[in-house]
Each structure stands twice: as structure tokens, then as C-alpha cells.
N, C-alpha and C. Protein backbone atom coordinates (compact mmCIF):
# COMPACT_ATOMS: atom_id res chain seq x y z
N UNK A 1 -19.48 -5.23 -13.42
CA UNK A 1 -19.47 -4.32 -13.56
C UNK A 1 -20.87 -4.08 -15.12
N UNK A 2 -21.72 -3.17 -13.98
CA UNK A 2 -22.89 -2.87 -15.38
C UNK A 2 -22.50 -2.64 -16.58
N UNK A 3 -23.73 -3.28 -17.07
CA UNK A 3 -23.23 -2.55 -19.07
C UNK A 3 -23.39 -1.51 -18.94
N UNK A 4 -23.29 -0.11 -17.93
CA UNK A 4 -23.86 1.10 -18.12
C UNK A 4 -22.38 1.26 -18.36
N UNK A 5 -21.18 0.86 -17.57
CA UNK A 5 -19.93 1.55 -17.24
C UNK A 5 -19.00 0.19 -18.62
N UNK A 6 -19.21 -0.29 -19.23
CA UNK A 6 -19.32 -0.39 -21.07
C UNK A 6 -18.92 0.24 -21.63
N UNK A 7 -20.13 1.20 -21.34
CA UNK A 7 -20.83 2.20 -22.71
C UNK A 7 -19.37 3.09 -23.35
N UNK A 8 -18.85 3.67 -22.58
CA UNK A 8 -17.39 3.87 -23.06
C UNK A 8 -16.31 3.42 -23.57
N UNK A 9 -16.71 2.12 -23.98
CA UNK A 9 -15.57 1.82 -24.80
C UNK A 9 -16.11 1.35 -25.99
N UNK A 10 -15.07 0.88 -26.38
CA UNK A 10 -15.15 1.21 -28.38
C UNK A 10 -15.04 0.07 -29.28
N UNK A 11 -15.13 -0.63 -29.90
CA UNK A 11 -15.53 -1.70 -30.38
C UNK A 11 -15.69 -1.56 -31.85
N UNK A 12 -14.92 -2.06 -32.68
CA UNK A 12 -13.79 -2.58 -33.74
C UNK A 12 -15.10 -3.69 -34.25
N UNK A 13 -15.71 -3.51 -35.61
CA UNK A 13 -16.32 -4.38 -35.82
C UNK A 13 -15.54 -4.65 -37.63
N UNK A 14 -15.51 -6.15 -37.95
CA UNK A 14 -14.80 -6.25 -38.84
C UNK A 14 -15.38 -7.57 -39.89
N UNK A 15 -16.60 -6.94 -41.45
CA UNK A 15 -16.95 -8.19 -41.72
C UNK A 15 -17.59 -7.66 -43.26
N UNK A 16 -17.02 -8.71 -44.41
CA UNK A 16 -17.04 -8.11 -45.36
C UNK A 16 -18.86 -7.95 -45.85
N UNK A 17 -19.36 -8.95 -45.01
CA UNK A 17 -20.99 -8.87 -44.99
C UNK A 17 -21.74 -7.53 -44.60
N UNK A 18 -22.04 -6.62 -45.41
CA UNK A 18 -22.92 -5.50 -45.06
C UNK A 18 -24.08 -5.62 -44.10
N UNK A 19 -25.14 -6.61 -44.08
CA UNK A 19 -25.52 -6.99 -43.05
C UNK A 19 -24.93 -7.52 -41.78
N UNK A 20 -24.21 -7.94 -41.87
CA UNK A 20 -23.91 -8.07 -41.13
C UNK A 20 -23.42 -7.36 -40.29
N UNK A 21 -22.07 -6.65 -40.36
CA UNK A 21 -21.41 -5.13 -40.00
C UNK A 21 -22.69 -4.27 -39.47
N UNK A 22 -23.47 -3.79 -40.29
CA UNK A 22 -24.73 -3.56 -40.29
C UNK A 22 -25.49 -3.75 -39.21
N UNK A 23 -25.58 -4.55 -38.86
CA UNK A 23 -26.29 -5.22 -37.40
C UNK A 23 -25.73 -5.09 -36.37
N UNK A 24 -24.33 -6.00 -36.55
CA UNK A 24 -23.88 -5.99 -35.11
C UNK A 24 -23.67 -4.00 -34.91
N UNK A 25 -23.00 -3.47 -35.99
CA UNK A 25 -22.98 -2.31 -35.44
C UNK A 25 -24.24 -1.32 -34.58
N UNK A 26 -25.50 -1.24 -35.48
CA UNK A 26 -26.40 -1.58 -35.02
C UNK A 26 -26.60 -1.35 -33.20
N UNK A 27 -25.91 -2.97 -33.33
CA UNK A 27 -26.74 -3.70 -32.46
C UNK A 27 -25.50 -2.86 -31.08
N UNK A 28 -24.23 -2.59 -30.80
CA UNK A 28 -23.49 -2.51 -30.40
C UNK A 28 -23.98 -0.38 -29.98
N UNK A 29 -24.28 0.35 -31.04
CA UNK A 29 -24.57 1.51 -30.97
C UNK A 29 -25.58 1.98 -30.35
N UNK A 30 -26.77 1.16 -29.58
CA UNK A 30 -27.59 0.95 -29.23
C UNK A 30 -27.34 0.61 -27.98
N UNK A 31 -26.74 0.44 -27.53
CA UNK A 31 -26.22 -0.30 -26.25
C UNK A 31 -25.00 1.05 -25.87
N UNK A 32 -25.04 1.30 -26.74
CA UNK A 32 -24.22 2.91 -26.05
C UNK A 32 -22.75 2.81 -26.32
N UNK A 33 -22.13 1.73 -26.99
CA UNK A 33 -20.83 2.05 -27.11
C UNK A 33 -20.89 2.38 -28.54
N UNK A 34 -19.18 2.70 -28.20
CA UNK A 34 -18.82 3.31 -29.51
C UNK A 34 -18.26 2.51 -30.41
N UNK A 35 -18.17 2.62 -31.64
CA UNK A 35 -18.87 1.30 -32.82
C UNK A 35 -17.29 1.83 -33.90
N UNK A 36 -17.07 1.36 -34.96
CA UNK A 36 -15.86 1.25 -36.55
C UNK A 36 -15.92 0.32 -37.07
N UNK A 37 -16.72 0.52 -38.32
CA UNK A 37 -16.85 -0.95 -38.09
C UNK A 37 -16.03 -0.74 -39.94
N UNK A 38 -15.79 -2.31 -40.49
CA UNK A 38 -15.07 -1.96 -41.39
C UNK A 38 -14.95 -3.16 -42.48
N UNK A 39 -15.38 -3.59 -43.58
CA UNK A 39 -15.29 -4.41 -44.59
C UNK A 39 -14.09 -5.02 -45.13
N UNK A 40 -13.31 -4.66 -44.29
CA UNK A 40 -12.35 -5.95 -45.21
C UNK A 40 -10.49 -6.00 -43.49
N UNK A 41 -10.41 -7.00 -44.23
CA UNK A 41 -9.33 -7.32 -42.62
C UNK A 41 -8.31 -5.69 -43.12
N UNK A 42 -7.22 -5.62 -44.30
CA UNK A 42 -6.82 -4.67 -44.23
C UNK A 42 -6.60 -2.99 -43.11
N UNK A 43 -8.02 -2.89 -43.70
CA UNK A 43 -8.22 -1.52 -42.83
C UNK A 43 -8.61 -1.67 -41.94
N UNK A 44 -9.02 -3.17 -41.17
CA UNK A 44 -8.97 -3.33 -39.72
C UNK A 44 -7.48 -3.30 -39.54
N UNK A 45 -6.54 -3.80 -40.24
CA UNK A 45 -5.14 -3.79 -39.20
C UNK A 45 -4.47 -2.81 -39.16
N UNK A 46 -5.51 -1.66 -40.24
CA UNK A 46 -4.74 -0.26 -40.19
C UNK A 46 -5.06 0.27 -39.25
N UNK A 47 -6.52 0.71 -38.42
CA UNK A 47 -7.60 0.43 -37.21
C UNK A 47 -6.63 0.38 -36.20
N UNK A 48 -6.09 -0.93 -35.74
CA UNK A 48 -5.33 -1.43 -35.41
C UNK A 48 -4.05 -0.54 -35.18
N UNK A 49 -3.35 -0.72 -36.12
CA UNK A 49 -1.82 0.38 -36.13
C UNK A 49 -2.17 1.42 -35.22
N UNK A 50 -3.20 2.03 -35.95
CA UNK A 50 -3.31 3.80 -35.83
C UNK A 50 -3.82 4.03 -34.39
N UNK A 51 -4.48 2.87 -33.77
CA UNK A 51 -4.54 2.76 -32.51
C UNK A 51 -4.62 2.14 -31.45
N UNK A 52 -3.53 1.31 -30.90
CA UNK A 52 -4.07 0.16 -30.52
C UNK A 52 -3.94 0.01 -29.07
N UNK A 53 -4.87 0.98 -28.92
CA UNK A 53 -4.75 1.14 -26.98
C UNK A 53 -6.91 1.10 -27.41
N UNK A 54 -7.38 1.96 -28.98
CA UNK A 54 -8.59 2.43 -28.87
C UNK A 54 -9.40 0.81 -28.59
N UNK A 55 -9.55 0.38 -28.64
CA UNK A 55 -10.57 -1.13 -29.07
C UNK A 55 -10.50 -2.03 -27.88
N UNK A 56 -11.48 -2.13 -27.17
CA UNK A 56 -11.52 -2.74 -25.58
C UNK A 56 -12.12 -4.34 -26.40
N UNK A 57 -13.15 -4.04 -27.53
CA UNK A 57 -13.70 -5.41 -28.29
C UNK A 57 -13.36 -5.09 -29.55
N UNK A 58 -13.06 -6.51 -30.55
CA UNK A 58 -13.19 -6.79 -31.73
C UNK A 58 -14.20 -7.78 -31.72
N UNK A 59 -14.89 -7.69 -33.14
CA UNK A 59 -15.54 -8.82 -33.74
C UNK A 59 -15.52 -9.11 -35.29
N UNK A 60 -14.39 -9.83 -35.54
CA UNK A 60 -14.26 -9.76 -36.60
C UNK A 60 -14.93 -11.36 -37.52
N UNK A 61 -15.27 -11.26 -39.10
CA UNK A 61 -15.03 -12.11 -39.20
C UNK A 61 -14.12 -13.29 -39.89
N UNK A 62 -14.44 -14.62 -39.15
CA UNK A 62 -12.76 -15.03 -40.03
C UNK A 62 -12.26 -15.12 -41.40
N UNK A 63 -13.27 -15.58 -42.40
CA UNK A 63 -13.01 -15.48 -44.06
C UNK A 63 -13.48 -13.55 -44.84
N UNK A 64 -12.43 -13.18 -45.39
CA UNK A 64 -12.38 -11.91 -46.27
C UNK A 64 -11.06 -12.07 -46.82
N UNK A 65 -11.54 -11.39 -47.76
CA UNK A 65 -9.95 -11.00 -48.82
C UNK A 65 -9.51 -10.72 -47.97
N UNK A 66 -8.18 -10.25 -48.82
CA UNK A 66 -6.64 -9.44 -47.87
C UNK A 66 -6.22 -9.86 -47.03
N UNK A 67 -7.23 -10.25 -45.69
CA UNK A 67 -6.85 -10.50 -44.31
C UNK A 67 -7.81 -11.36 -43.99
N UNK A 68 -7.15 -12.13 -43.01
CA UNK A 68 -8.48 -13.14 -42.90
C UNK A 68 -8.31 -12.72 -40.95
N UNK A 69 -9.37 -13.41 -40.36
CA UNK A 69 -10.20 -12.51 -38.99
C UNK A 69 -8.33 -12.87 -37.93
N UNK A 70 -8.36 -14.24 -38.63
CA UNK A 70 -6.54 -14.71 -37.35
C UNK A 70 -5.58 -13.70 -37.26
N UNK A 71 -5.70 -12.74 -38.54
CA UNK A 71 -4.47 -12.01 -38.65
C UNK A 71 -4.74 -11.17 -38.35
N UNK A 72 -6.69 -10.39 -38.33
CA UNK A 72 -6.95 -9.54 -37.28
C UNK A 72 -6.90 -9.61 -35.53
N UNK A 73 -6.88 -11.37 -35.60
CA UNK A 73 -6.61 -11.23 -33.84
C UNK A 73 -5.58 -11.05 -34.03
N UNK A 74 -4.31 -11.33 -34.37
CA UNK A 74 -3.03 -11.39 -34.44
C UNK A 74 -2.38 -10.09 -34.00
N UNK A 75 -2.64 -9.76 -35.37
CA UNK A 75 -2.34 -7.99 -35.23
C UNK A 75 -3.11 -7.11 -33.68
N UNK A 76 -4.33 -7.24 -33.13
CA UNK A 76 -5.04 -6.83 -32.21
C UNK A 76 -4.23 -7.89 -31.04
N UNK A 77 -4.05 -8.77 -30.50
CA UNK A 77 -3.94 -8.73 -29.13
C UNK A 77 -2.11 -8.66 -29.60
N UNK A 78 -1.20 -8.38 -30.52
CA UNK A 78 -0.06 -8.33 -30.26
C UNK A 78 -0.29 -6.57 -30.20
N UNK A 79 -0.93 -5.97 -30.72
CA UNK A 79 -0.67 -3.97 -30.36
C UNK A 79 -1.34 -4.01 -28.96
N UNK A 80 -2.41 -4.83 -28.56
CA UNK A 80 -2.97 -4.92 -27.22
C UNK A 80 -3.32 -5.53 -26.16
N UNK A 81 -2.59 -6.37 -25.81
CA UNK A 81 -3.14 -8.16 -25.17
C UNK A 81 -4.11 -7.97 -24.11
N UNK A 82 -5.08 -6.91 -23.59
CA UNK A 82 -5.96 -7.06 -22.78
C UNK A 82 -6.67 -6.95 -24.09
N UNK A 83 -6.98 -6.98 -24.86
CA UNK A 83 -8.21 -6.61 -26.35
C UNK A 83 -9.10 -7.94 -26.14
N UNK A 84 -10.34 -8.09 -26.51
CA UNK A 84 -11.05 -8.68 -26.44
C UNK A 84 -11.52 -8.79 -28.12
N UNK A 85 -11.52 -10.24 -28.36
CA UNK A 85 -11.64 -10.69 -29.90
C UNK A 85 -12.68 -11.84 -30.04
N UNK A 86 -13.53 -11.64 -30.60
CA UNK A 86 -14.33 -11.98 -30.23
C UNK A 86 -14.73 -12.70 -32.63
N UNK A 87 -14.62 -13.99 -32.82
CA UNK A 87 -14.20 -14.50 -34.23
C UNK A 87 -15.91 -15.01 -34.67
N UNK A 88 -16.13 -14.33 -35.23
CA UNK A 88 -17.36 -14.76 -35.73
C UNK A 88 -17.36 -16.04 -37.75
N UNK A 89 -17.85 -16.29 -37.96
CA UNK A 89 -17.61 -17.37 -39.24
C UNK A 89 -18.34 -17.89 -40.16
N UNK A 90 -18.84 -17.94 -40.73
CA UNK A 90 -20.29 -19.33 -41.35
C UNK A 90 -19.57 -20.41 -42.43
N UNK A 91 -17.47 -20.45 -42.27
CA UNK A 91 -17.00 -21.33 -42.29
C UNK A 91 -16.89 -21.93 -40.90
N UNK A 92 -16.95 -22.54 -40.11
CA UNK A 92 -16.73 -22.93 -39.15
C UNK A 92 -15.96 -24.40 -38.76
N UNK A 93 -14.94 -24.32 -38.27
CA UNK A 93 -14.06 -26.37 -38.62
C UNK A 93 -13.54 -26.32 -37.46
N UNK A 94 -13.47 -27.27 -36.69
CA UNK A 94 -12.36 -27.46 -35.48
C UNK A 94 -10.99 -26.97 -35.51
N UNK A 95 -10.67 -26.72 -36.67
CA UNK A 95 -9.18 -26.34 -36.88
C UNK A 95 -9.05 -25.18 -36.38
N UNK A 96 -10.15 -24.44 -37.40
CA UNK A 96 -10.27 -22.49 -37.11
C UNK A 96 -10.56 -22.50 -35.89
N UNK A 97 -11.11 -22.96 -34.81
CA UNK A 97 -11.88 -22.56 -33.52
C UNK A 97 -10.73 -22.96 -32.39
N UNK A 98 -9.82 -23.75 -32.32
CA UNK A 98 -9.04 -24.68 -31.74
C UNK A 98 -7.38 -23.55 -31.94
N UNK A 99 -7.46 -22.52 -33.94
CA UNK A 99 -6.15 -22.25 -33.90
C UNK A 99 -6.89 -20.17 -33.38
N UNK A 100 -8.05 -19.91 -33.15
CA UNK A 100 -8.47 -18.78 -33.00
C UNK A 100 -7.90 -18.86 -31.40
N UNK A 101 -8.14 -19.80 -30.76
CA UNK A 101 -8.47 -19.79 -28.92
C UNK A 101 -6.76 -20.11 -28.84
N UNK A 102 -6.33 -20.45 -29.48
CA UNK A 102 -4.66 -20.38 -29.37
C UNK A 102 -4.48 -19.27 -29.59
N UNK A 103 -4.47 -18.85 -30.03
CA UNK A 103 -3.85 -17.28 -30.52
C UNK A 103 -4.69 -16.14 -29.62
N UNK A 104 -5.41 -16.84 -28.99
CA UNK A 104 -6.04 -15.53 -27.84
C UNK A 104 -7.67 -15.59 -27.87
N UNK A 105 -8.74 -15.57 -28.55
CA UNK A 105 -10.04 -14.91 -28.91
C UNK A 105 -10.47 -15.61 -28.32
N UNK A 106 -10.96 -14.23 -28.08
CA UNK A 106 -11.82 -14.57 -26.50
C UNK A 106 -13.18 -15.59 -26.23
N UNK A 107 -14.28 -15.43 -27.83
CA UNK A 107 -14.97 -16.32 -28.03
C UNK A 107 -14.57 -16.56 -29.85
N UNK A 108 -15.65 -17.76 -30.17
CA UNK A 108 -16.20 -18.45 -31.49
C UNK A 108 -17.63 -18.37 -31.48
N UNK A 109 -18.12 -17.70 -33.31
CA UNK A 109 -19.33 -17.75 -32.82
C UNK A 109 -19.52 -18.59 -34.48
N UNK A 110 -20.47 -18.97 -34.82
CA UNK A 110 -21.10 -19.68 -35.88
C UNK A 110 -21.69 -19.00 -36.87
N UNK A 111 -21.68 -18.43 -37.54
CA UNK A 111 -23.09 -17.55 -38.36
C UNK A 111 -23.71 -19.20 -38.74
N UNK A 112 -25.34 -18.36 -38.85
CA UNK A 112 -25.53 -17.67 -37.70
C UNK A 112 -25.93 -17.60 -36.82
N UNK A 113 -25.88 -16.71 -35.76
CA UNK A 113 -25.67 -16.53 -34.30
C UNK A 113 -27.24 -15.14 -34.03
N UNK A 114 -26.54 -15.37 -32.46
CA UNK A 114 -28.07 -14.32 -32.69
C UNK A 114 -27.77 -13.75 -31.52
N UNK A 115 -28.47 -12.35 -31.12
CA UNK A 115 -27.60 -11.14 -30.85
C UNK A 115 -28.02 -11.33 -29.03
N UNK A 116 -28.57 -12.35 -29.20
CA UNK A 116 -28.84 -12.99 -27.77
C UNK A 116 -27.18 -13.59 -27.47
N UNK A 117 -27.10 -14.33 -28.27
CA UNK A 117 -24.85 -14.95 -28.20
C UNK A 117 -24.13 -13.53 -27.91
N UNK A 118 -24.22 -12.36 -28.47
CA UNK A 118 -23.67 -11.72 -28.26
C UNK A 118 -23.52 -10.98 -27.26
N UNK A 119 -25.43 -10.82 -26.43
CA UNK A 119 -25.40 -10.34 -24.91
C UNK A 119 -24.45 -10.70 -23.95
N UNK A 120 -24.72 -12.37 -24.17
CA UNK A 120 -23.90 -13.48 -23.49
C UNK A 120 -22.43 -13.26 -23.51
N UNK A 121 -21.72 -12.49 -24.74
CA UNK A 121 -20.44 -12.17 -24.26
C UNK A 121 -20.15 -11.12 -24.03
N UNK A 122 -20.91 -9.82 -23.80
CA UNK A 122 -20.96 -8.73 -23.71
C UNK A 122 -20.83 -8.86 -22.03
N UNK A 123 -21.87 -9.51 -21.44
CA UNK A 123 -22.05 -10.09 -19.87
C UNK A 123 -21.12 -10.45 -19.28
N UNK A 124 -20.12 -11.30 -19.88
CA UNK A 124 -18.93 -12.00 -19.08
C UNK A 124 -18.32 -11.53 -19.46
N UNK A 125 -17.66 -10.72 -20.33
CA UNK A 125 -16.71 -9.62 -20.72
C UNK A 125 -16.76 -8.40 -19.39
N UNK A 126 -18.29 -7.60 -19.48
CA UNK A 126 -18.49 -6.85 -18.24
C UNK A 126 -17.96 -7.26 -17.01
N UNK A 127 -18.28 -9.09 -16.63
CA UNK A 127 -18.18 -9.84 -15.00
C UNK A 127 -16.71 -9.73 -14.89
N UNK A 128 -15.85 -10.07 -16.21
CA UNK A 128 -14.64 -10.32 -16.48
C UNK A 128 -13.31 -9.36 -16.08
N UNK A 129 -14.20 -7.98 -16.87
CA UNK A 129 -13.38 -6.63 -16.66
C UNK A 129 -13.50 -5.85 -15.38
N UNK A 130 -14.82 -6.06 -15.04
CA UNK A 130 -14.83 -6.07 -12.81
C UNK A 130 -14.81 -6.56 -12.20
N UNK A 131 -13.88 -7.87 -11.73
CA UNK A 131 -12.78 -8.94 -11.62
C UNK A 131 -11.28 -7.96 -11.77
N UNK A 132 -11.06 -7.79 -12.57
CA UNK A 132 -9.91 -6.97 -13.48
C UNK A 132 -9.45 -6.15 -12.15
N UNK A 133 -10.48 -4.68 -12.11
CA UNK A 133 -10.22 -4.35 -11.93
C UNK A 133 -10.81 -3.75 -10.23
N UNK A 134 -11.74 -4.79 -9.66
CA UNK A 134 -11.32 -5.37 -8.30
C UNK A 134 -10.07 -5.92 -7.52
N UNK A 135 -9.53 -6.82 -8.76
CA UNK A 135 -8.29 -7.43 -8.41
C UNK A 135 -7.35 -5.88 -8.14
N UNK A 136 -6.86 -5.11 -8.84
CA UNK A 136 -6.37 -3.66 -9.33
C UNK A 136 -6.58 -3.46 -8.18
N UNK A 137 -8.08 -2.75 -7.58
CA UNK A 137 -7.75 -2.26 -6.52
C UNK A 137 -7.41 -2.44 -5.28
N UNK A 138 -7.89 -4.43 -4.84
CA UNK A 138 -7.02 -5.25 -3.49
C UNK A 138 -5.85 -4.99 -3.68
N UNK A 139 -4.84 -5.66 -5.52
CA UNK A 139 -3.46 -5.45 -4.78
C UNK A 139 -2.83 -3.70 -4.90
N UNK A 140 -3.62 -2.37 -4.50
CA UNK A 140 -3.42 -1.64 -4.52
C UNK A 140 -3.79 -1.47 -2.84
N UNK A 141 -4.23 -1.50 -2.38
CA UNK A 141 -4.57 -1.60 -0.63
C UNK A 141 -3.38 -2.45 0.08
N UNK A 142 -3.59 -3.77 -0.86
CA UNK A 142 -2.28 -4.78 0.29
C UNK A 142 -0.90 -4.29 -0.28
N UNK A 143 -0.93 -3.43 -1.55
CA UNK A 143 0.79 -2.72 -1.64
C UNK A 143 0.65 -1.66 -0.62
N UNK A 144 -0.66 -0.58 -0.38
CA UNK A 144 -0.22 0.72 0.39
C UNK A 144 -0.21 -0.15 2.29
N UNK A 145 -0.07 -0.97 2.03
CA UNK A 145 -0.29 -1.74 4.04
C UNK A 145 0.84 -2.11 4.43
N UNK A 146 1.39 -1.91 5.71
CA UNK A 146 2.50 -2.46 5.78
C UNK A 146 2.59 -3.90 5.95
N UNK A 147 3.60 -4.48 5.90
CA UNK A 147 3.29 -6.36 5.69
C UNK A 147 3.06 -6.77 7.13
N UNK A 148 3.44 -6.24 8.08
CA UNK A 148 3.31 -6.59 9.63
C UNK A 148 1.95 -5.98 9.67
N UNK A 149 1.29 -5.25 9.24
CA UNK A 149 -0.17 -5.01 9.93
C UNK A 149 -0.42 -6.14 8.93
N UNK A 150 -0.75 -6.75 7.65
CA UNK A 150 -1.20 -7.23 6.74
C UNK A 150 -0.92 -8.35 7.17
N UNK A 151 -0.01 -9.14 7.66
CA UNK A 151 0.24 -10.72 8.53
C UNK A 151 -0.72 -10.71 9.93
N UNK A 152 -0.83 -9.45 10.85
CA UNK A 152 -1.36 -9.82 11.77
C UNK A 152 -2.54 -9.39 11.55
N UNK A 153 -3.65 -9.03 9.88
CA UNK A 153 -5.25 -8.97 9.60
C UNK A 153 -5.24 -10.74 9.70
N UNK A 154 -4.06 -10.99 8.95
CA UNK A 154 -4.04 -12.60 7.63
C UNK A 154 -4.70 -13.37 9.28
N UNK A 155 -3.69 -12.70 10.11
CA UNK A 155 -3.81 -14.09 11.80
C UNK A 155 -4.76 -14.44 11.71
N UNK A 156 -5.27 -12.85 12.50
CA UNK A 156 -6.64 -12.24 12.75
C UNK A 156 -8.08 -13.12 12.17
N UNK A 157 -8.00 -13.06 11.02
CA UNK A 157 -8.78 -13.62 10.44
C UNK A 157 -8.75 -15.58 10.42
N UNK A 158 -7.49 -15.50 10.09
CA UNK A 158 -7.64 -17.19 9.99
C UNK A 158 -7.58 -18.08 11.56
N UNK A 159 -7.25 -17.02 13.07
CA UNK A 159 -8.06 -17.19 14.00
C UNK A 159 -9.81 -16.98 14.14
N UNK A 160 -10.23 -16.34 13.20
CA UNK A 160 -11.70 -16.71 13.79
C UNK A 160 -11.93 -17.61 12.97
N UNK A 161 -11.38 -17.92 11.41
CA UNK A 161 -12.29 -18.98 10.89
C UNK A 161 -12.20 -20.65 11.31
N UNK A 162 -10.76 -20.83 12.36
CA UNK A 162 -10.92 -21.73 13.02
C UNK A 162 -11.40 -22.06 13.81
N UNK A 163 -11.31 -20.04 14.62
CA UNK A 163 -13.00 -20.64 15.84
C UNK A 163 -14.16 -20.99 15.44
N UNK A 164 -14.72 -20.13 14.23
CA UNK A 164 -15.86 -20.76 13.37
C UNK A 164 -15.69 -22.22 13.52
N UNK A 165 -14.87 -22.78 13.21
CA UNK A 165 -15.09 -23.83 12.21
C UNK A 165 -14.64 -25.50 13.43
N UNK A 166 -14.13 -24.75 15.19
CA UNK A 166 -14.84 -25.56 15.92
C UNK A 166 -15.68 -25.58 16.88
N UNK A 167 -16.46 -24.48 15.82
CA UNK A 167 -17.51 -24.49 17.20
C UNK A 167 -19.00 -25.72 16.20
N UNK A 168 -18.60 -25.30 14.66
CA UNK A 168 -19.25 -25.93 13.58
C UNK A 168 -18.99 -27.37 14.02
N UNK A 169 -18.14 -27.78 14.86
CA UNK A 169 -17.05 -29.24 15.24
C UNK A 169 -17.89 -29.49 15.47
N UNK A 170 -17.98 -29.10 17.03
CA UNK A 170 -18.80 -28.76 18.65
C UNK A 170 -20.25 -29.37 18.28
N UNK A 171 -20.68 -28.42 17.39
CA UNK A 171 -22.30 -28.71 16.67
C UNK A 171 -22.65 -30.05 16.51
N UNK A 172 -21.98 -30.09 15.74
CA UNK A 172 -22.19 -31.42 14.70
C UNK A 172 -22.19 -32.90 16.19
N UNK A 173 -21.09 -32.91 16.35
CA UNK A 173 -20.66 -34.02 17.51
C UNK A 173 -22.07 -33.65 18.35
N UNK A 174 -21.91 -32.68 19.26
CA UNK A 174 -23.16 -32.82 19.44
C UNK A 174 -24.49 -33.39 19.43
N UNK A 175 -24.93 -32.96 17.88
CA UNK A 175 -26.49 -33.57 17.40
C UNK A 175 -26.16 -35.04 16.94
N UNK A 176 -24.58 -35.39 16.89
CA UNK A 176 -24.75 -36.67 16.12
C UNK A 176 -24.67 -37.76 17.62
N UNK A 177 -24.50 -37.52 18.81
CA UNK A 177 -24.67 -38.09 19.77
C UNK A 177 -23.08 -38.53 20.03
N UNK A 178 -23.43 -39.41 20.72
CA UNK A 178 -21.49 -40.05 20.64
C UNK A 178 -21.95 -41.42 19.55
N UNK A 179 -20.37 -42.02 19.14
CA UNK A 179 -20.44 -42.35 18.43
C UNK A 179 -20.25 -44.25 18.79
N UNK A 180 -20.80 -44.88 18.20
CA UNK A 180 -20.15 -46.48 17.86
C UNK A 180 -19.69 -46.64 17.52
N UNK A 181 -18.66 -47.48 17.28
CA UNK A 181 -17.62 -48.74 16.09
C UNK A 181 -18.37 -49.23 15.89
N UNK A 182 -18.39 -49.85 14.83
CA UNK A 182 -18.92 -51.52 14.73
C UNK A 182 -17.85 -52.25 13.71
């Protein structure tokens, strides 16, 4: 899925540091994303509760007053299991990283981070969304077929694969010549 197809997605940015929040908001806005930015956990929790399916991506600071990033992550994943949540923190620890991943975080970045790291996350997200869409499309196609037809198609593909493997095996044997046993 190219980046252009992500442009209709909505991003929620949650960070109590105005510079980080504004930088991320500008980054996503210049790439055509719809952006909501908030400075604290309770406001983010309310936004998620009011529109659970709105946000495709949530980028949240870990340590904030009121409700931390893990609370935002929990609420987001409960409201919308397909949401991508990225935790950012200036106070990284192995325990918080493990907890974030266990709760379903898509990624975990330590401050200071580069916008190139955000690019990588967005590209991975686009690839994953593309694969999910392709899987749904293939599942629909398979569901629309008669099971007997599907078995015939699969059997003919397997026969073709076996024939190719046999040709490869024959060519390899011809190139190597007769083998001698030692």
C-alpha cells in the first residue's frame, strides 16, 4: 500500500511536551494525514472513547500526568483492536518496553528519535495494511468459488509444480553426469 493510500487515515498524537507534539503533528499533516493532537492522557482517553474507530495510528508518550501511555495503549486496543499504537519515551526501560509490546504496541521509540524512524514505522504500517487488504480480497475470492473448483485449481497447480521440479531434477542429473559411489 503506497503512502498516498494512507493519507485518509487519522492519527492521534499524545504528548505533554509541546515541541514533540507539534513536530509530530506537522510531520503527519505535511504527509496528508488527518491529525488530532492532545497534551495529556485523560484527553486522549476521551477522544478514543468518543470515536473508537477513528484512529488508525496513535503515537503516545509513555510518561504523562493523569494517564500514562500504557493507559492510552490499553484503551486504544480495547476500543479498536486493529489500531497501531507507537509508544515514545524519554525514560525507556526494558520493563516498560516489554509491557508495551505485551499490551499490543506496534513499536516503541526512545526520545530523542528521528523522523526517519517514524518514516520506517509508517512504511511498515502501510505494508502491513496492504497485506491485510490483499488477504481479505483473496479470502473473498476463495469464498466465492465452489469448493470443487478450488480443489481442481489447486490440484492443477500442484501438478505443474511437480512437473517443474521433475524437469529441474532431470537437468541437474544430466549436468552432473553419472555419480560414482565412494
